[in-house]
């Protein structure tokens, strides 16, 4: 069986809920703005670091990696010649 509440009881309950919300949930706008300004500064700094890292990776892939590949291929020792040399020196 459902309870029958009067309009006055419902209004009292709603007022109680509103009072509770206004006491505990409301955060001053200035506090929210201050936190947003701090957070935006941190995010901007992190984005800057991310851009430096991305630029460094691009330089590495486009310039340093091909140089290393060229040096590696030019100085690679032919394994057959090395094995033949090792057999003849024994």
Protein backbone atom coordinates (compact mmCIF):
# COMPACT_ATOMS: atom_id res chain seq x y z
CA UNK A 1 0.00 0.00 0.00
CA UNK A 2 1.45 3.38 -1.04
CA UNK A 3 1.70 6.11 1.59
CA UNK A 4 -0.36 9.23 0.95
CA UNK A 5 1.68 12.35 1.58
CA UNK A 6 0.07 15.73 1.85
CA UNK A 7 1.26 18.68 -0.20
CA UNK A 8 2.66 20.29 2.94
CA UNK A 9 4.76 17.18 3.73
CA UNK A 10 6.08 17.06 0.17
CA UNK A 11 6.92 20.78 0.29
CA UNK A 12 8.75 20.32 3.60
CA UNK A 13 10.74 17.43 2.15
CA UNK A 14 11.63 19.44 -0.96
CA UNK A 15 12.74 22.40 1.19
CA UNK A 16 14.88 20.07 3.27
CA UNK A 17 16.52 18.66 0.13
CA UNK A 18 17.15 22.17 -1.26
CA UNK A 19 18.74 23.27 2.02
CA UNK A 20 20.98 20.21 2.06
CA UNK A 21 22.07 20.75 -1.54
CA UNK A 22 22.79 24.46 -1.03
CA UNK A 23 24.87 23.68 2.08
CA UNK A 24 26.98 20.87 0.65
CA UNK A 25 27.06 20.93 -3.15
CA UNK A 26 27.39 24.57 -4.16
CA UNK A 27 30.98 25.56 -4.96
CA UNK A 28 31.79 29.25 -5.35
CA UNK A 29 32.30 30.32 -8.97
CA UNK A 30 35.58 32.07 -8.14
CA UNK A 31 37.01 28.78 -6.86
CA UNK A 32 36.01 27.01 -10.06
CA UNK A 33 37.56 29.79 -12.17
CA UNK A 34 40.82 29.67 -10.20
CA UNK A 35 41.08 25.90 -10.63
CA UNK A 36 40.35 26.21 -14.35
CA UNK A 37 43.11 28.79 -14.80
CA UNK A 38 45.60 26.54 -12.97
CA UNK A 39 44.57 23.49 -14.95
CA UNK A 40 44.75 25.30 -18.28
CA UNK A 41 48.30 26.39 -17.48
CA UNK A 42 49.33 22.81 -16.72
CA UNK A 43 47.67 21.48 -19.82
CA UNK A 44 49.39 24.11 -21.98
CA UNK A 45 52.76 23.16 -20.47
CA UNK A 46 52.13 19.45 -21.10
CA UNK A 47 51.08 20.15 -24.68
CA UNK A 48 54.34 22.04 -25.17
CA UNK A 49 56.36 19.05 -23.95
CA UNK A 50 54.35 16.76 -26.20
CA UNK A 51 55.18 18.96 -29.19
CA UNK A 52 58.91 18.88 -28.33
CA UNK A 53 58.83 15.09 -28.07
CA UNK A 54 56.91 14.73 -31.34
CA UNK A 55 59.38 17.04 -33.10
CA UNK A 56 62.33 15.10 -31.73
CA UNK A 57 60.84 11.80 -32.86
CA UNK A 58 60.19 13.21 -36.33
CA UNK A 59 63.81 14.39 -36.61
CA UNK A 60 65.05 11.03 -35.41
CA UNK A 61 62.96 9.10 -37.90
CA UNK A 62 63.62 11.40 -40.86
CA UNK A 63 67.31 12.22 -40.33
CA UNK A 64 69.11 10.09 -37.75
CA UNK A 65 67.55 6.71 -38.54
CA UNK A 66 68.42 6.81 -42.28
CA UNK A 67 71.99 7.84 -41.38
CA UNK A 68 72.33 4.93 -38.99
CA UNK A 69 70.85 2.58 -41.58
CA UNK A 70 73.37 3.76 -44.19
CA UNK A 71 76.30 3.39 -41.80
CA UNK A 72 75.13 -0.07 -40.75
CA UNK A 73 74.78 -1.30 -44.34
CA UNK A 74 78.13 0.18 -45.42
CA UNK A 75 80.06 -1.42 -42.56
CA UNK A 76 78.29 -4.78 -42.51
CA UNK A 77 80.75 -7.65 -42.78
CA UNK A 78 79.97 -10.41 -45.26
CA UNK A 79 79.48 -13.50 -43.11
CA UNK A 80 80.71 -15.90 -45.80
CA UNK A 81 83.99 -14.03 -46.15
CA UNK A 82 84.36 -13.90 -42.38
CA UNK A 83 83.76 -17.65 -42.06
CA UNK A 84 86.27 -18.36 -44.86
CA UNK A 85 88.81 -16.13 -43.16
CA UNK A 86 88.26 -17.86 -39.82
CA UNK A 87 88.78 -21.28 -41.43
CA UNK A 88 91.99 -20.27 -43.19
CA UNK A 89 93.59 -18.74 -40.11
CA UNK A 90 93.28 -21.90 -38.00
